Amino acid sequence: MNYLNSLFLKLFDIKLKFLISEKKNVVEIRIRSKELYYFFKNVLKIPVGKKIKLTIPIYIKNNEKYLISFLRGLFDTDGCITLQRQGKYAYVLAKISTRHRNFAYEISKSLLTLGIPSFVTIKGSKLNNKIFEGYNVVIRNKGVIKFFKIVGTKNLRNIKSFNEKWGHRDLDPNLSVSSNTGADRST
């Protein structure tokens, strides 16, 4: 929240308002700005209202630089690093979560265009006797390294988590990442 707030202050001179709902397990961001509304709607092509058919705008999909920046922002806000254990093996995973099935597959396909393999899993959670279905776009093991080299992250929580969890692996325990801006296409 602090990172997003400082980013909006720097870019738009606007302070964000955060509403935290522990019951729904969400943080809602609120902004009051007509200029920013029209910028998001008309320039960035972000649809107004409920995001029922969420999609990556075509101008982003067709421009590698924009796509990398888009995926970085998505990972910074809706992504995490985790360690999956199966028996004596442990796998480092990078995940991006969404409630939209088609959007999850579109993210996965976009990652593949950058040479980053991923897959989509269905997740479900129960809250107040209601089942919420969602999707994770999952990047595994060496794909996570490639993700960090190409896309990167600015989220210090994800950087710290990656450095801690990758240390459990025998592939390269000295590997660490910093706040990479991505775009390393040499791999």
N, C-alpha and C. Protein backbone atom coordinates (compact mmCIF):
# COMPACT_ATOMS: atom_id res chain seq x y z
N MET A 1 0.83 -1.20 0.00
CA MET A 1 0.00 0.00 0.00
C MET A 1 0.87 1.25 0.00
N ASN A 2 1.96 1.23 0.79
CA ASN A 2 2.84 2.40 0.82
C ASN A 2 3.51 2.63 -0.53
N TYR A 3 3.92 1.54 -1.18
CA TYR A 3 4.56 1.67 -2.49
C TYR A 3 3.58 2.27 -3.51
N LEU A 4 2.35 1.76 -3.55
CA LEU A 4 1.36 2.28 -4.49
C LEU A 4 1.05 3.74 -4.19
N ASN A 5 0.93 4.06 -2.92
CA ASN A 5 0.63 5.44 -2.55
C ASN A 5 1.75 6.37 -2.99
N SER A 6 3.01 5.98 -2.78
CA SER A 6 4.13 6.84 -3.19
C SER A 6 4.20 6.93 -4.72
N LEU A 7 3.85 5.85 -5.41
CA LEU A 7 3.86 5.85 -6.87
C LEU A 7 2.81 6.83 -7.42
N PHE A 8 1.60 6.79 -6.86
CA PHE A 8 0.54 7.70 -7.33
C PHE A 8 0.86 9.15 -6.97
N LEU A 9 1.50 9.36 -5.83
CA LEU A 9 1.91 10.72 -5.47
C LEU A 9 2.95 11.23 -6.47
N LYS A 10 3.90 10.38 -6.82
CA LYS A 10 4.97 10.76 -7.74
C LYS A 10 4.44 11.01 -9.15
N LEU A 11 3.60 10.08 -9.66
CA LEU A 11 3.13 10.17 -11.03
C LEU A 11 1.98 11.16 -11.24
N PHE A 12 1.05 11.20 -10.29
CA PHE A 12 -0.19 11.96 -10.51
C PHE A 12 -0.46 13.04 -9.45
N ASP A 13 0.41 13.12 -8.44
CA ASP A 13 0.21 14.04 -7.33
C ASP A 13 -1.14 13.81 -6.64
N ILE A 14 -1.45 12.52 -6.47
CA ILE A 14 -2.72 12.12 -5.84
C ILE A 14 -2.42 11.14 -4.70
N LYS A 15 -3.08 11.36 -3.57
CA LYS A 15 -2.93 10.45 -2.44
C LYS A 15 -4.08 9.44 -2.46
N LEU A 16 -3.74 8.18 -2.33
CA LEU A 16 -4.74 7.11 -2.37
C LEU A 16 -5.42 6.95 -1.02
N LYS A 17 -6.64 6.45 -1.05
CA LYS A 17 -7.36 6.08 0.17
C LYS A 17 -7.57 4.58 0.15
N PHE A 18 -7.26 3.94 1.25
CA PHE A 18 -7.36 2.49 1.35
C PHE A 18 -8.47 2.10 2.31
N LEU A 19 -9.30 1.16 1.86
CA LEU A 19 -10.34 0.58 2.72
C LEU A 19 -9.98 -0.89 2.90
N ILE A 20 -9.78 -1.29 4.13
CA ILE A 20 -9.40 -2.67 4.42
C ILE A 20 -10.62 -3.41 4.94
N SER A 21 -10.97 -4.49 4.27
CA SER A 21 -12.09 -5.32 4.69
C SER A 21 -11.55 -6.69 5.11
N GLU A 22 -11.46 -6.89 6.42
CA GLU A 22 -10.96 -8.17 6.92
C GLU A 22 -11.96 -9.29 6.64
N LYS A 23 -13.25 -8.97 6.63
CA LYS A 23 -14.27 -9.99 6.35
C LYS A 23 -14.10 -10.57 4.95
N LYS A 24 -13.83 -9.69 3.98
CA LYS A 24 -13.67 -10.13 2.60
C LYS A 24 -12.22 -10.44 2.25
N ASN A 25 -11.30 -10.14 3.17
CA ASN A 25 -9.88 -10.35 2.98
C ASN A 25 -9.36 -9.58 1.76
N VAL A 26 -9.75 -8.30 1.67
CA VAL A 26 -9.33 -7.46 0.54
C VAL A 26 -8.94 -6.07 1.02
N VAL A 27 -8.15 -5.41 0.21
CA VAL A 27 -7.84 -4.00 0.39
C VAL A 27 -8.37 -3.29 -0.85
N GLU A 28 -9.21 -2.30 -0.63
CA GLU A 28 -9.80 -1.55 -1.73
C GLU A 28 -9.11 -0.19 -1.81
N ILE A 29 -8.77 0.21 -3.03
CA ILE A 29 -8.11 1.49 -3.24
C ILE A 29 -9.12 2.46 -3.84
N ARG A 30 -9.18 3.66 -3.27
CA ARG A 30 -10.11 4.66 -3.79
C ARG A 30 -9.36 5.92 -4.18
N ILE A 31 -9.78 6.47 -5.32
CA ILE A 31 -9.20 7.71 -5.84
C ILE A 31 -10.35 8.59 -6.30
N ARG A 32 -10.25 9.88 -6.04
CA ARG A 32 -11.23 10.83 -6.54
C ARG A 32 -10.51 11.82 -7.45
N SER A 33 -10.62 11.57 -8.77
CA SER A 33 -9.99 12.46 -9.73
C SER A 33 -10.62 12.24 -11.09
N LYS A 34 -11.31 13.26 -11.60
CA LYS A 34 -11.91 13.18 -12.93
C LYS A 34 -10.85 13.02 -14.01
N GLU A 35 -9.75 13.76 -13.88
CA GLU A 35 -8.67 13.70 -14.87
C GLU A 35 -8.09 12.29 -14.94
N LEU A 36 -7.85 11.69 -13.80
CA LEU A 36 -7.29 10.34 -13.76
C LEU A 36 -8.29 9.31 -14.29
N TYR A 37 -9.57 9.52 -13.98
CA TYR A 37 -10.63 8.65 -14.50
C TYR A 37 -10.59 8.62 -16.03
N TYR A 38 -10.56 9.79 -16.66
CA TYR A 38 -10.56 9.86 -18.12
C TYR A 38 -9.24 9.36 -18.72
N PHE A 39 -8.15 9.56 -18.00
CA PHE A 39 -6.86 9.04 -18.46
C PHE A 39 -6.91 7.50 -18.47
N PHE A 40 -7.39 6.91 -17.39
CA PHE A 40 -7.48 5.43 -17.33
C PHE A 40 -8.45 4.91 -18.39
N LYS A 41 -9.59 5.58 -18.55
CA LYS A 41 -10.62 5.13 -19.48
C LYS A 41 -10.22 5.33 -20.93
N ASN A 42 -9.80 6.53 -21.29
CA ASN A 42 -9.58 6.87 -22.69
C ASN A 42 -8.18 6.57 -23.21
N VAL A 43 -7.17 6.78 -22.38
CA VAL A 43 -5.80 6.58 -22.83
C VAL A 43 -5.35 5.15 -22.56
N LEU A 44 -5.54 4.68 -21.32
CA LEU A 44 -5.09 3.33 -20.96
C LEU A 44 -6.09 2.24 -21.35
N LYS A 45 -7.30 2.65 -21.74
CA LYS A 45 -8.35 1.71 -22.19
C LYS A 45 -8.79 0.74 -21.10
N ILE A 46 -8.81 1.21 -19.86
CA ILE A 46 -9.30 0.39 -18.75
C ILE A 46 -10.81 0.55 -18.69
N PRO A 47 -11.55 -0.56 -18.79
CA PRO A 47 -13.01 -0.45 -18.82
C PRO A 47 -13.59 0.10 -17.52
N VAL A 48 -14.68 0.82 -17.65
CA VAL A 48 -15.38 1.41 -16.52
C VAL A 48 -16.33 0.37 -15.92
N GLY A 49 -16.52 0.41 -14.63
CA GLY A 49 -17.46 -0.48 -13.97
C GLY A 49 -16.84 -1.80 -13.56
N LYS A 50 -17.74 -2.75 -13.22
CA LYS A 50 -17.28 -4.07 -12.80
C LYS A 50 -16.48 -4.73 -13.90
N LYS A 51 -15.41 -5.34 -13.50
CA LYS A 51 -14.52 -6.01 -14.46
C LYS A 51 -14.98 -7.45 -14.67
N ILE A 52 -16.02 -7.62 -15.51
CA ILE A 52 -16.60 -8.94 -15.76
C ILE A 52 -15.77 -9.69 -16.79
N LYS A 53 -15.43 -9.03 -17.87
CA LYS A 53 -14.62 -9.65 -18.93
C LYS A 53 -13.26 -8.96 -18.96
N LEU A 54 -12.49 -9.18 -17.91
CA LEU A 54 -11.19 -8.56 -17.78
C LEU A 54 -10.25 -9.08 -18.85
N THR A 55 -9.50 -8.18 -19.49
CA THR A 55 -8.58 -8.56 -20.56
C THR A 55 -7.40 -7.60 -20.58
N ILE A 56 -6.30 -8.05 -21.15
CA ILE A 56 -5.14 -7.18 -21.34
C ILE A 56 -5.40 -6.39 -22.62
N PRO A 57 -5.35 -5.06 -22.55
CA PRO A 57 -5.59 -4.26 -23.76
C PRO A 57 -4.63 -4.66 -24.89
N ILE A 58 -5.12 -4.61 -26.11
CA ILE A 58 -4.34 -5.04 -27.28
C ILE A 58 -3.05 -4.24 -27.43
N TYR A 59 -3.10 -2.92 -27.18
CA TYR A 59 -1.89 -2.12 -27.34
C TYR A 59 -0.80 -2.57 -26.37
N ILE A 60 -1.18 -3.17 -25.24
CA ILE A 60 -0.20 -3.70 -24.29
C ILE A 60 0.32 -5.05 -24.78
N LYS A 61 -0.59 -5.92 -25.22
CA LYS A 61 -0.17 -7.23 -25.72
C LYS A 61 0.76 -7.12 -26.92
N ASN A 62 0.56 -6.10 -27.74
CA ASN A 62 1.33 -5.97 -28.98
C ASN A 62 2.65 -5.20 -28.80
N ASN A 63 2.96 -4.78 -27.59
CA ASN A 63 4.18 -4.04 -27.33
C ASN A 63 4.91 -4.72 -26.16
N GLU A 64 6.03 -5.36 -26.45
CA GLU A 64 6.74 -6.13 -25.43
C GLU A 64 7.11 -5.31 -24.20
N LYS A 65 7.55 -4.09 -24.41
CA LYS A 65 7.92 -3.22 -23.28
C LYS A 65 6.70 -2.96 -22.38
N TYR A 66 5.57 -2.64 -22.98
CA TYR A 66 4.35 -2.41 -22.22
C TYR A 66 3.89 -3.69 -21.51
N LEU A 67 3.98 -4.82 -22.22
CA LEU A 67 3.56 -6.09 -21.64
C LEU A 67 4.39 -6.43 -20.41
N ILE A 68 5.70 -6.25 -20.51
CA ILE A 68 6.58 -6.52 -19.36
C ILE A 68 6.21 -5.61 -18.19
N SER A 69 5.99 -4.33 -18.45
CA SER A 69 5.60 -3.40 -17.39
C SER A 69 4.25 -3.78 -16.79
N PHE A 70 3.31 -4.15 -17.64
CA PHE A 70 1.98 -4.57 -17.19
C PHE A 70 2.08 -5.79 -16.26
N LEU A 71 2.84 -6.80 -16.70
CA LEU A 71 2.99 -8.02 -15.89
C LEU A 71 3.70 -7.74 -14.58
N ARG A 72 4.68 -6.84 -14.60
CA ARG A 72 5.38 -6.46 -13.37
C ARG A 72 4.40 -5.82 -12.38
N GLY A 73 3.59 -4.89 -12.88
CA GLY A 73 2.62 -4.23 -12.01
C GLY A 73 1.59 -5.21 -11.46
N LEU A 74 1.16 -6.13 -12.31
CA LEU A 74 0.20 -7.15 -11.88
C LEU A 74 0.80 -8.04 -10.81
N PHE A 75 2.04 -8.47 -11.03
CA PHE A 75 2.72 -9.32 -10.04
C PHE A 75 2.95 -8.56 -8.73
N ASP A 76 3.32 -7.28 -8.84
CA ASP A 76 3.57 -6.49 -7.63
C ASP A 76 2.32 -6.33 -6.77
N THR A 77 1.15 -6.31 -7.39
CA THR A 77 -0.09 -6.11 -6.63
C THR A 77 -0.84 -7.41 -6.34
N ASP A 78 -0.83 -8.35 -7.27
CA ASP A 78 -1.62 -9.57 -7.11
C ASP A 78 -0.77 -10.84 -7.17
N GLY A 79 0.53 -10.71 -6.95
CA GLY A 79 1.41 -11.87 -7.03
C GLY A 79 2.10 -12.17 -5.72
N CYS A 80 2.69 -13.37 -5.68
CA CYS A 80 3.44 -13.77 -4.50
C CYS A 80 4.46 -14.85 -4.88
N ILE A 81 5.38 -15.08 -3.99
CA ILE A 81 6.35 -16.16 -4.11
C ILE A 81 6.05 -17.14 -2.99
N THR A 82 6.05 -18.42 -3.32
CA THR A 82 5.77 -19.44 -2.31
C THR A 82 6.64 -20.66 -2.57
N LEU A 83 6.70 -21.52 -1.60
CA LEU A 83 7.47 -22.75 -1.72
C LEU A 83 6.49 -23.91 -1.63
N GLN A 84 6.46 -24.74 -2.65
CA GLN A 84 5.58 -25.92 -2.67
C GLN A 84 6.43 -27.13 -2.33
N ARG A 85 6.01 -27.88 -1.34
CA ARG A 85 6.74 -29.08 -0.95
C ARG A 85 5.97 -30.32 -1.39
N GLN A 86 6.69 -31.26 -1.99
CA GLN A 86 6.13 -32.56 -2.37
C GLN A 86 7.14 -33.61 -1.97
N GLY A 87 6.86 -34.28 -0.86
CA GLY A 87 7.80 -35.27 -0.36
C GLY A 87 9.11 -34.61 0.01
N LYS A 88 10.21 -35.14 -0.55
CA LYS A 88 11.53 -34.58 -0.23
C LYS A 88 11.91 -33.42 -1.15
N TYR A 89 11.03 -33.05 -2.07
CA TYR A 89 11.31 -31.98 -3.02
C TYR A 89 10.58 -30.69 -2.63
N ALA A 90 11.19 -29.59 -2.99
CA ALA A 90 10.58 -28.28 -2.78
C ALA A 90 10.70 -27.48 -4.06
N TYR A 91 9.61 -26.81 -4.45
CA TYR A 91 9.58 -26.05 -5.69
C TYR A 91 9.25 -24.59 -5.38
N VAL A 92 10.04 -23.68 -5.92
CA VAL A 92 9.75 -22.27 -5.78
C VAL A 92 8.72 -21.90 -6.84
N LEU A 93 7.65 -21.23 -6.42
CA LEU A 93 6.57 -20.84 -7.33
C LEU A 93 6.37 -19.33 -7.26
N ALA A 94 6.12 -18.73 -8.40
CA ALA A 94 5.62 -17.36 -8.47
C ALA A 94 4.17 -17.49 -8.93
N LYS A 95 3.27 -16.79 -8.24
CA LYS A 95 1.85 -16.89 -8.57
C LYS A 95 1.26 -15.50 -8.78
N ILE A 96 0.36 -15.41 -9.73
CA ILE A 96 -0.47 -14.22 -9.92
C ILE A 96 -1.91 -14.68 -9.79
N SER A 97 -2.66 -14.06 -8.90
CA SER A 97 -4.04 -14.48 -8.64
C SER A 97 -5.04 -13.55 -9.30
N THR A 98 -6.13 -14.15 -9.77
CA THR A 98 -7.23 -13.39 -10.34
C THR A 98 -8.53 -14.17 -10.16
N ARG A 99 -9.63 -13.49 -10.18
CA ARG A 99 -10.94 -14.16 -10.10
C ARG A 99 -11.49 -14.46 -11.49
N HIS A 100 -10.76 -14.09 -12.54
CA HIS A 100 -11.26 -14.19 -13.90
C HIS A 100 -10.51 -15.28 -14.68
N ARG A 101 -11.24 -16.30 -15.08
CA ARG A 101 -10.65 -17.46 -15.77
C ARG A 101 -9.94 -17.06 -17.06
N ASN A 102 -10.63 -16.35 -17.94
CA ASN A 102 -10.05 -15.98 -19.23
C ASN A 102 -8.83 -15.08 -19.06
N PHE A 103 -8.89 -14.19 -18.07
CA PHE A 103 -7.77 -13.30 -17.79
C PHE A 103 -6.55 -14.12 -17.35
N ALA A 104 -6.77 -15.14 -16.53
CA ALA A 104 -5.67 -16.01 -16.07
C ALA A 104 -4.98 -16.67 -17.27
N TYR A 105 -5.79 -17.20 -18.19
CA TYR A 105 -5.20 -17.85 -19.37
C TYR A 105 -4.51 -16.84 -20.30
N GLU A 106 -5.04 -15.63 -20.34
CA GLU A 106 -4.41 -14.59 -21.15
C GLU A 106 -3.05 -14.19 -20.55
N ILE A 107 -2.97 -14.12 -19.24
CA ILE A 107 -1.70 -13.83 -18.56
C ILE A 107 -0.70 -14.94 -18.86
N SER A 108 -1.15 -16.18 -18.74
CA SER A 108 -0.27 -17.33 -19.00
C SER A 108 0.26 -17.31 -20.43
N LYS A 109 -0.62 -17.02 -21.37
CA LYS A 109 -0.22 -16.96 -22.79
C LYS A 109 0.76 -15.81 -23.01
N SER A 110 0.53 -14.68 -22.35
CA SER A 110 1.44 -13.53 -22.48
C SER A 110 2.82 -13.86 -21.92
N LEU A 111 2.85 -14.57 -20.80
CA LEU A 111 4.14 -14.99 -20.24
C LEU A 111 4.89 -15.88 -21.23
N LEU A 112 4.16 -16.77 -21.88
CA LEU A 112 4.78 -17.68 -22.84
C LEU A 112 5.39 -16.91 -24.03
N THR A 113 4.74 -15.82 -24.45
CA THR A 113 5.31 -15.02 -25.54
C THR A 113 6.66 -14.41 -25.13
N LEU A 114 6.88 -14.28 -23.82
CA LEU A 114 8.16 -13.78 -23.31
C LEU A 114 9.13 -14.92 -23.01
N GLY A 115 8.70 -16.16 -23.31
CA GLY A 115 9.56 -17.32 -23.06
C GLY A 115 9.50 -17.83 -21.63
N ILE A 116 8.45 -17.46 -20.90
CA ILE A 116 8.30 -17.86 -19.51
C ILE A 116 7.14 -18.86 -19.42
N PRO A 117 7.45 -20.16 -19.20
CA PRO A 117 6.37 -21.15 -19.10
C PRO A 117 5.58 -20.98 -17.80
N SER A 118 4.28 -21.19 -17.90
CA SER A 118 3.41 -21.11 -16.72
C SER A 118 2.20 -22.00 -16.95
N PHE A 119 1.41 -22.18 -15.91
CA PHE A 119 0.16 -22.92 -16.03
C PHE A 119 -0.86 -22.29 -15.10
N VAL A 120 -2.13 -22.61 -15.32
CA VAL A 120 -3.22 -22.03 -14.54
C VAL A 120 -3.82 -23.10 -13.64
N THR A 121 -4.02 -22.75 -12.37
CA THR A 121 -4.69 -23.65 -11.43
C THR A 121 -5.95 -22.96 -10.91
N ILE A 122 -6.91 -23.75 -10.53
CA ILE A 122 -8.15 -23.23 -9.94
C ILE A 122 -7.99 -23.26 -8.44
N LYS A 123 -8.37 -22.18 -7.80
CA LYS A 123 -8.34 -22.13 -6.34
C LYS A 123 -9.73 -21.78 -5.84
N GLY A 124 -10.06 -22.29 -4.71
CA GLY A 124 -11.35 -21.98 -4.11
C GLY A 124 -11.16 -21.64 -2.65
N SER A 125 -11.97 -20.75 -2.16
CA SER A 125 -11.93 -20.44 -0.74
C SER A 125 -13.35 -20.21 -0.26
N LYS A 126 -13.55 -20.47 1.00
CA LYS A 126 -14.87 -20.33 1.59
C LYS A 126 -14.84 -19.16 2.56
N LEU A 127 -15.77 -18.24 2.42
CA LEU A 127 -15.87 -17.09 3.27
C LEU A 127 -17.34 -16.85 3.58
N ASN A 128 -17.68 -16.86 4.85
CA ASN A 128 -19.07 -16.68 5.29
C ASN A 128 -20.01 -17.64 4.57
N ASN A 129 -19.64 -18.91 4.49
CA ASN A 129 -20.40 -19.98 3.85
C ASN A 129 -20.63 -19.78 2.36
N LYS A 130 -19.84 -18.90 1.72
CA LYS A 130 -19.90 -18.71 0.28
C LYS A 130 -18.57 -19.17 -0.30
N ILE A 131 -18.62 -19.87 -1.43
CA ILE A 131 -17.41 -20.33 -2.08
C ILE A 131 -17.02 -19.34 -3.17
N PHE A 132 -15.79 -18.85 -3.09
CA PHE A 132 -15.25 -17.93 -4.09
C PHE A 132 -14.24 -18.70 -4.92
N GLU A 133 -14.43 -18.69 -6.21
CA GLU A 133 -13.50 -19.37 -7.10
C GLU A 133 -12.55 -18.36 -7.69
N GLY A 134 -11.32 -18.76 -7.80
CA GLY A 134 -10.31 -17.90 -8.39
C GLY A 134 -9.30 -18.74 -9.14
N TYR A 135 -8.32 -18.08 -9.71
CA TYR A 135 -7.33 -18.77 -10.53
C TYR A 135 -5.95 -18.24 -10.20
N ASN A 136 -4.98 -19.13 -10.23
CA ASN A 136 -3.58 -18.76 -10.07
C ASN A 136 -2.85 -19.04 -11.36
N VAL A 137 -2.10 -18.08 -11.83
CA VAL A 137 -1.15 -18.32 -12.91
C VAL A 137 0.16 -18.64 -12.19
N VAL A 138 0.68 -19.85 -12.44
CA VAL A 138 1.81 -20.36 -11.67
C VAL A 138 3.04 -20.51 -12.56
N ILE A 139 4.15 -19.98 -12.07
CA ILE A 139 5.45 -20.12 -12.72
C ILE A 139 6.30 -20.93 -11.74
N ARG A 140 7.03 -21.91 -12.27
CA ARG A 140 7.70 -22.86 -11.39
C ARG A 140 9.21 -22.89 -11.63
N ASN A 141 9.96 -23.07 -10.54
CA ASN A 141 11.41 -23.30 -10.54
C ASN A 141 12.22 -22.34 -11.40
N LYS A 142 12.90 -22.86 -12.44
CA LYS A 142 13.77 -22.02 -13.27
C LYS A 142 12.97 -20.97 -14.03
N GLY A 143 11.69 -21.23 -14.26
CA GLY A 143 10.82 -20.23 -14.88
C GLY A 143 10.70 -19.00 -14.00
N VAL A 144 10.78 -19.19 -12.67
CA VAL A 144 10.72 -18.06 -11.73
C VAL A 144 11.94 -17.17 -11.93
N ILE A 145 13.10 -17.79 -12.10
CA ILE A 145 14.32 -17.01 -12.34
C ILE A 145 14.18 -16.22 -13.63
N LYS A 146 13.67 -16.87 -14.66
CA LYS A 146 13.48 -16.19 -15.95
C LYS A 146 12.48 -15.04 -15.80
N PHE A 147 11.42 -15.28 -15.04
CA PHE A 147 10.42 -14.24 -14.77
C PHE A 147 11.08 -13.03 -14.12
N PHE A 148 11.90 -13.28 -13.10
CA PHE A 148 12.55 -12.16 -12.41
C PHE A 148 13.55 -11.45 -13.31
N LYS A 149 14.21 -12.16 -14.20
CA LYS A 149 15.17 -11.52 -15.11
C LYS A 149 14.46 -10.67 -16.16
N ILE A 150 13.35 -11.17 -16.68
CA ILE A 150 12.66 -10.46 -17.77
C ILE A 150 11.65 -9.45 -17.25
N VAL A 151 10.79 -9.87 -16.34
CA VAL A 151 9.71 -9.01 -15.85
C VAL A 151 10.14 -8.23 -14.63
N GLY A 152 10.72 -8.91 -13.65
CA GLY A 152 11.18 -8.25 -12.44
C GLY A 152 10.05 -7.92 -11.49
N THR A 153 10.38 -7.18 -10.46
CA THR A 153 9.41 -6.76 -9.46
C THR A 153 9.94 -5.53 -8.74
N LYS A 154 9.02 -4.77 -8.19
CA LYS A 154 9.36 -3.64 -7.32
C LYS A 154 8.83 -3.89 -5.92
N ASN A 155 8.16 -5.03 -5.72
CA ASN A 155 7.53 -5.35 -4.44
C ASN A 155 8.58 -5.97 -3.51
N LEU A 156 8.96 -5.24 -2.47
CA LEU A 156 10.01 -5.71 -1.56
C LEU A 156 9.64 -7.02 -0.86
N ARG A 157 8.36 -7.23 -0.62
CA ARG A 157 7.92 -8.48 0.01
C ARG A 157 8.22 -9.66 -0.91
N ASN A 158 7.97 -9.51 -2.20
CA ASN A 158 8.25 -10.59 -3.15
C ASN A 158 9.75 -10.79 -3.36
N ILE A 159 10.50 -9.71 -3.36
CA ILE A 159 11.96 -9.82 -3.49
C ILE A 159 12.53 -10.60 -2.31
N LYS A 160 12.12 -10.21 -1.12
CA LYS A 160 12.60 -10.88 0.11
C LYS A 160 12.19 -12.35 0.11
N SER A 161 10.95 -12.61 -0.24
CA SER A 161 10.44 -13.99 -0.25
C SER A 161 11.19 -14.84 -1.26
N PHE A 162 11.46 -14.29 -2.45
CA PHE A 162 12.21 -15.03 -3.47
C PHE A 162 13.60 -15.36 -2.96
N ASN A 163 14.30 -14.37 -2.40
CA ASN A 163 15.66 -14.59 -1.92
C ASN A 163 15.70 -15.63 -0.80
N GLU A 164 14.70 -15.60 0.09
CA GLU A 164 14.65 -16.58 1.18
C GLU A 164 14.33 -17.98 0.66
N LYS A 165 13.34 -18.10 -0.18
CA LYS A 165 12.89 -19.40 -0.62
C LYS A 165 13.83 -20.04 -1.63
N TRP A 166 14.45 -19.23 -2.49
CA TRP A 166 15.37 -19.83 -3.46
C TRP A 166 16.60 -20.36 -2.74
N GLY A 167 16.92 -19.85 -1.58
CA GLY A 167 18.05 -20.34 -0.81
C GLY A 167 17.88 -21.79 -0.39
N HIS A 168 16.62 -22.30 -0.41
CA HIS A 168 16.35 -23.71 -0.08
C HIS A 168 16.72 -24.64 -1.22
N ARG A 169 16.95 -24.09 -2.39
CA ARG A 169 17.19 -24.90 -3.58
C ARG A 169 18.67 -25.16 -3.76
N ASP A 170 19.00 -26.27 -4.37
CA ASP A 170 20.40 -26.58 -4.61
C ASP A 170 20.87 -26.14 -5.99
N LEU A 171 20.00 -25.51 -6.78
CA LEU A 171 20.41 -25.07 -8.12
C LEU A 171 21.42 -23.93 -8.05
N ASP A 172 21.14 -22.94 -7.27
CA ASP A 172 22.06 -21.82 -7.10
C ASP A 172 21.67 -21.08 -5.82
N PRO A 173 22.17 -21.55 -4.68
CA PRO A 173 21.77 -20.94 -3.41
C PRO A 173 22.24 -19.50 -3.25
N ASN A 174 23.18 -19.04 -4.09
CA ASN A 174 23.67 -17.67 -3.99
C ASN A 174 22.88 -16.69 -4.85
N LEU A 175 21.94 -17.21 -5.62
CA LEU A 175 21.14 -16.36 -6.49
C LEU A 175 20.25 -15.45 -5.65
N SER A 176 20.24 -14.19 -5.98
CA SER A 176 19.31 -13.28 -5.33
C SER A 176 18.86 -12.26 -6.35
N VAL A 177 17.75 -11.63 -6.08
CA VAL A 177 17.25 -10.59 -6.97
C VAL A 177 17.09 -9.31 -6.17
N SER A 178 17.09 -8.22 -6.85
CA SER A 178 16.83 -6.93 -6.24
C SER A 178 15.60 -6.35 -6.93
N SER A 179 15.34 -5.09 -6.73
CA SER A 179 14.15 -4.49 -7.35
C SER A 179 14.42 -4.30 -8.84
N ASN A 180 14.41 -5.38 -9.54
CA ASN A 180 14.69 -5.41 -10.98
C ASN A 180 13.53 -4.78 -11.75
N THR A 181 13.89 -4.00 -12.74
CA THR A 181 12.86 -3.42 -13.59
C THR A 181 12.58 -4.33 -14.78
N GLY A 182 13.22 -5.48 -14.79
CA GLY A 182 12.95 -6.47 -15.83
C GLY A 182 13.62 -6.13 -17.15
N ALA A 183 13.05 -6.70 -18.20
CA ALA A 183 13.47 -6.45 -19.58
C ALA A 183 14.84 -7.02 -19.92
N ASP A 184 15.33 -7.99 -19.17
CA ASP A 184 16.57 -8.68 -19.55
C ASP A 184 16.19 -9.84 -20.45
N ARG A 185 16.30 -9.63 -21.74
CA ARG A 185 15.87 -10.63 -22.71
C ARG A 185 17.04 -11.48 -23.20
N SER A 186 18.17 -11.46 -22.47
CA SER A 186 19.33 -12.21 -22.92
C SER A 186 19.25 -13.69 -22.59
N THR A 187 18.25 -14.11 -21.79
CA THR A 187 18.13 -15.52 -21.42
C THR A 187 17.18 -16.24 -22.33
